[in-house]
Amino acid sequence: MFFKKKIKFDKLNSGQAALSTIILIGGIIALITITLVIIISSYATSAYSYQNSQRALAVANAGADDALLRLVRNKDFENTSGYIVYSDSDSATVKVVQDIANKKAIILSVANILGYNKKVRAIVSINNDGEVRLIKREQIE
């Protein structure tokens, strides 16, 4: 006579339940990790974008300041083709256009830093004595 051995399925089912639980917990941990990586990388990207944008604005302002200084030194200064002002490793292109009839000059300074363009426009009045007064200075699109 052959004896049949009874197999208890409770022990086999408990192993499957433990494996399913481990896979579920691992998936949740992986999802949380991926979410955190995405949030941190987007924060870092936005911080660098803001920094580069502000750097471009500072360089454009430096170009406008240079043009103002040139006008103070020489009230007839004009450069319609544009000249380059360097600030560390960055640069701005500056144009100065004289409006002799209205005794004004318009300064346009453009800086491009890693794809971020910033423009600053300044309007100055120049009287007969060579006095230069800033009328308006603005960032334009």
C-alpha atoms as a PDB file:
ATOM      1  CA  MET A   1       0.000   0.000   0.000  1.00  0.00           C
ATOM      2  CA  PHE A   2       1.052   3.400  -0.894  1.00  0.00           C
ATOM      3  CA  PHE A   3       0.646   6.203   1.506  1.00  0.00           C
ATOM      4  CA  LYS A   4      -0.479   9.480   0.172  1.00  0.00           C
ATOM      5  CA  LYS A   5       1.090  12.450   1.738  1.00  0.00           C
ATOM      6  CA  LYS A   6      -1.097  15.458   2.339  1.00  0.00           C
ATOM      7  CA  ILE A   7       0.410  18.764   1.319  1.00  0.00           C
ATOM      8  CA  LYS A   8      -0.657  21.792   3.248  1.00  0.00           C
ATOM      9  CA  PHE A   9      -1.355  24.658   0.901  1.00  0.00           C
ATOM     10  CA  ASP A  10      -1.435  27.227   3.678  1.00  0.00           C
ATOM     11  CA  LYS A  11       2.368  27.358   3.803  1.00  0.00           C
ATOM     12  CA  LEU A  12       2.630  27.833   0.013  1.00  0.00           C
ATOM     13  CA  ASN A  13       0.026  30.593  -0.014  1.00  0.00           C
ATOM     14  CA  SER A  14       1.784  32.517   2.747  1.00  0.00           C
ATOM     15  CA  GLY A  15       4.955  32.716   0.610  1.00  0.00           C
ATOM     16  CA  GLN A  16       2.981  34.112  -2.305  1.00  0.00           C
ATOM     17  CA  ALA A  17       1.356  36.700  -0.077  1.00  0.00           C
ATOM     18  CA  ALA A  18       4.748  37.794   1.276  1.00  0.00           C
ATOM     19  CA  LEU A  19       6.165  38.091  -2.256  1.00  0.00           C
ATOM     20  CA  SER A  20       3.163  40.157  -3.401  1.00  0.00           C
ATOM     21  CA  THR A  21       3.521  42.448  -0.382  1.00  0.00           C
ATOM     22  CA  ILE A  22       7.243  42.960  -1.007  1.00  0.00           C
ATOM     23  CA  ILE A  23       6.632  43.786  -4.683  1.00  0.00           C
ATOM     24  CA  LEU A  24       3.873  46.253  -3.743  1.00  0.00           C
ATOM     25  CA  ILE A  25       6.025  48.013  -1.131  1.00  0.00           C
ATOM     26  CA  GLY A  26       8.986  48.116  -3.552  1.00  0.00           C
ATOM     27  CA  GLY A  27       6.800  49.704  -6.226  1.00  0.00           C
ATOM     28  CA  ILE A  28       5.571  52.367  -3.833  1.00  0.00           C
ATOM     29  CA  ILE A  29       9.145  53.173  -2.765  1.00  0.00           C
ATOM     30  CA  ALA A  30      10.243  53.376  -6.417  1.00  0.00           C
ATOM     31  CA  LEU A  31       7.321  55.705  -7.236  1.00  0.00           C
ATOM     32  CA  ILE A  32       8.164  58.019  -4.328  1.00  0.00           C
ATOM     33  CA  THR A  33      11.851  58.064  -5.326  1.00  0.00           C
ATOM     34  CA  ILE A  34      11.080  58.920  -8.950  1.00  0.00           C
ATOM     35  CA  THR A  35       8.710  61.702  -7.855  1.00  0.00           C
ATOM     36  CA  LEU A  36      11.361  63.222  -5.587  1.00  0.00           C
ATOM     37  CA  VAL A  37      13.990  63.102  -8.345  1.00  0.00           C
ATOM     38  CA  ILE A  38      11.651  64.906 -10.748  1.00  0.00           C
ATOM     39  CA  ILE A  39      10.799  67.598  -8.182  1.00  0.00           C
ATOM     40  CA  ILE A  40      14.438  68.201  -7.243  1.00  0.00           C
ATOM     41  CA  SER A  41      15.607  68.385 -10.865  1.00  0.00           C
ATOM     42  CA  SER A  42      12.852  70.847 -11.817  1.00  0.00           C
ATOM     43  CA  TYR A  43      13.737  73.030  -8.817  1.00  0.00           C
ATOM     44  CA  ALA A  44      17.417  73.038  -9.784  1.00  0.00           C
ATOM     45  CA  THR A  45      16.554  73.896 -13.395  1.00  0.00           C
ATOM     46  CA  SER A  46      14.326  76.801 -12.396  1.00  0.00           C
ATOM     47  CA  ALA A  47      17.001  78.146 -10.034  1.00  0.00           C
ATOM     48  CA  TYR A  48      19.631  78.116 -12.801  1.00  0.00           C
ATOM     49  CA  SER A  49      17.174  79.711 -15.226  1.00  0.00           C
ATOM     50  CA  TYR A  50      16.470  82.549 -12.818  1.00  0.00           C
ATOM     51  CA  GLN A  51      20.173  83.035 -12.150  1.00  0.00           C
ATOM     52  CA  ASN A  52      21.030  83.222 -15.876  1.00  0.00           C
ATOM     53  CA  SER A  53      18.125  85.577 -16.530  1.00  0.00           C
ATOM     54  CA  GLN A  54      19.269  87.946 -13.787  1.00  0.00           C
ATOM     55  CA  ARG A  55      22.855  87.743 -15.031  1.00  0.00           C
ATOM     56  CA  ALA A  56      21.701  88.755 -18.530  1.00  0.00           C
ATOM     57  CA  LEU A  57      19.800  91.698 -17.061  1.00  0.00           C
ATOM     58  CA  ALA A  58      22.867  92.823 -15.099  1.00  0.00           C
ATOM     59  CA  VAL A  59      25.048  92.684 -18.214  1.00  0.00           C
ATOM     60  CA  ALA A  60      22.465  94.652 -20.225  1.00  0.00           C
ATOM     61  CA  ASN A  61      22.397  97.286 -17.467  1.00  0.00           C
ATOM     62  CA  ALA A  62      26.199  97.441 -17.533  1.00  0.00           C
ATOM     63  CA  GLY A  63      26.045  98.155 -21.263  1.00  0.00           C
ATOM     64  CA  ALA A  64      23.537 100.971 -20.727  1.00  0.00           C
ATOM     65  CA  ASP A  65      25.764 102.421 -17.977  1.00  0.00           C
ATOM     66  CA  ASP A  66      28.753 102.349 -20.321  1.00  0.00           C
ATOM     67  CA  ALA A  67      26.812 104.257 -22.978  1.00  0.00           C
ATOM     68  CA  LEU A  68      25.708 106.842 -20.398  1.00  0.00           C
ATOM     69  CA  LEU A  69      29.311 107.339 -19.360  1.00  0.00           C
ATOM     70  CA  ARG A  70      30.369 107.800 -22.990  1.00  0.00           C
ATOM     71  CA  LEU A  71      27.618 110.395 -23.484  1.00  0.00           C
ATOM     72  CA  VAL A  72      28.720 112.272 -20.362  1.00  0.00           C
ATOM     73  CA  ARG A  73      32.270 112.373 -21.713  1.00  0.00           C
ATOM     74  CA  ASN A  74      31.189 113.278 -25.250  1.00  0.00           C
ATOM     75  CA  LYS A  75      27.700 114.693 -25.771  1.00  0.00           C
ATOM     76  CA  ASP A  76      27.887 113.960 -29.516  1.00  0.00           C
ATOM     77  CA  PHE A  77      28.675 110.276 -29.070  1.00  0.00           C
ATOM     78  CA  GLU A  78      26.651 108.050 -31.391  1.00  0.00           C
ATOM     79  CA  ASN A  79      27.039 104.448 -32.507  1.00  0.00           C
ATOM     80  CA  THR A  80      24.135 103.152 -34.568  1.00  0.00           C
ATOM     81  CA  SER A  81      25.824  99.912 -35.613  1.00  0.00           C
ATOM     82  CA  GLY A  82      26.455  98.841 -32.027  1.00  0.00           C
ATOM     83  CA  TYR A  83      29.531  98.173 -29.959  1.00  0.00           C
ATOM     84  CA  ILE A  84      30.265  95.421 -27.477  1.00  0.00           C
ATOM     85  CA  VAL A  85      30.670  95.873 -23.729  1.00  0.00           C
ATOM     86  CA  TYR A  86      32.269  92.978 -21.857  1.00  0.00           C
ATOM     87  CA  SER A  87      31.452  92.018 -18.297  1.00  0.00           C
ATOM     88  CA  ASP A  88      33.583  89.085 -17.137  1.00  0.00           C
ATOM     89  CA  SER A  89      32.899  86.366 -19.713  1.00  0.00           C
ATOM     90  CA  ASP A  90      29.588  87.895 -20.834  1.00  0.00           C
ATOM     91  CA  SER A  91      28.871  90.726 -23.238  1.00  0.00           C
ATOM     92  CA  ALA A  92      26.198  93.182 -24.273  1.00  0.00           C
ATOM     93  CA  THR A  93      25.687  94.915 -27.599  1.00  0.00           C
ATOM     94  CA  VAL A  94      24.985  98.624 -27.163  1.00  0.00           C
ATOM     95  CA  LYS A  95      23.580 101.107 -29.685  1.00  0.00           C
ATOM     96  CA  VAL A  96      23.356 104.850 -29.149  1.00  0.00           C
ATOM     97  CA  VAL A  97      21.176 106.934 -31.472  1.00  0.00           C
ATOM     98  CA  GLN A  98      21.119 110.732 -31.253  1.00  0.00           C
ATOM     99  CA  ASP A  99      17.910 112.686 -31.874  1.00  0.00           C
ATOM    100  CA  ILE A 100      19.469 116.104 -32.428  1.00  0.00           C
ATOM    101  CA  ALA A 101      16.161 117.885 -33.110  1.00  0.00           C
ATOM    102  CA  ASN A 102      14.787 116.939 -29.672  1.00  0.00           C
ATOM    103  CA  LYS A 103      18.195 117.014 -27.960  1.00  0.00           C
ATOM    104  CA  LYS A 104      17.823 113.419 -26.833  1.00  0.00           C
ATOM    105  CA  ALA A 105      19.714 110.191 -27.184  1.00  0.00           C
ATOM    106  CA  ILE A 106      18.329 106.668 -27.047  1.00  0.00           C
ATOM    107  CA  ILE A 107      20.479 103.858 -25.677  1.00  0.00           C
ATOM    108  CA  LEU A 108      19.634 100.222 -26.368  1.00  0.00           C
ATOM    109  CA  SER A 109      21.638  97.509 -24.633  1.00  0.00           C
ATOM    110  CA  VAL A 110      21.040  93.823 -25.394  1.00  0.00           C
ATOM    111  CA  ALA A 111      22.594  90.886 -23.537  1.00  0.00           C
ATOM    112  CA  ASN A 112      22.222  87.188 -24.326  1.00  0.00           C
ATOM    113  CA  ILE A 113      23.334  84.738 -21.630  1.00  0.00           C
ATOM    114  CA  LEU A 114      22.758  81.046 -22.397  1.00  0.00           C
ATOM    115  CA  GLY A 115      19.629  81.783 -24.411  1.00  0.00           C
ATOM    116  CA  TYR A 116      18.206  84.400 -22.034  1.00  0.00           C
ATOM    117  CA  ASN A 117      17.863  87.755 -23.825  1.00  0.00           C
ATOM    118  CA  LYS A 118      17.477  90.934 -21.829  1.00  0.00           C
ATOM    119  CA  LYS A 119      17.136  94.428 -23.276  1.00  0.00           C
ATOM    120  CA  VAL A 120      17.504  97.735 -21.490  1.00  0.00           C
ATOM    121  CA  ARG A 121      16.537 101.043 -23.074  1.00  0.00           C
ATOM    122  CA  ALA A 122      17.509 104.422 -21.688  1.00  0.00           C
ATOM    123  CA  ILE A 123      16.404 107.814 -22.942  1.00  0.00           C
ATOM    124  CA  VAL A 124      18.536 110.797 -22.011  1.00  0.00           C
ATOM    125  CA  SER A 125      18.310 114.506 -22.683  1.00  0.00           C
ATOM    126  CA  ILE A 126      21.384 116.495 -23.608  1.00  0.00           C
ATOM    127  CA  ASN A 127      21.382 120.277 -23.268  1.00  0.00           C
ATOM    128  CA  ASN A 128      23.672 122.748 -25.041  1.00  0.00           C
ATOM    129  CA  ASP A 129      26.140 122.779 -22.132  1.00  0.00           C
ATOM    130  CA  GLY A 130      26.644 119.020 -22.489  1.00  0.00           C
ATOM    131  CA  GLU A 131      24.680 118.118 -19.383  1.00  0.00           C
ATOM    132  CA  VAL A 132      23.211 114.629 -19.692  1.00  0.00           C
ATOM    133  CA  ARG A 133      20.040 113.786 -17.775  1.00  0.00           C
ATOM    134  CA  LEU A 134      18.429 110.405 -17.623  1.00  0.00           C
ATOM    135  CA  ILE A 135      14.754 110.705 -18.548  1.00  0.00           C
ATOM    136  CA  LYS A 136      13.730 107.075 -18.589  1.00  0.00           C
ATOM    137  CA  ARG A 137      15.361 103.692 -18.129  1.00  0.00           C
ATOM    138  CA  GLU A 138      13.437 100.469 -18.621  1.00  0.00           C
ATOM    139  CA  GLN A 139      13.717  96.820 -19.382  1.00  0.00           C
ATOM    140  CA  ILE A 140      11.967  95.985 -22.633  1.00  0.00           C
ATOM    141  CA  GLU A 141      10.947  92.701 -24.208  1.00  0.00           C
END
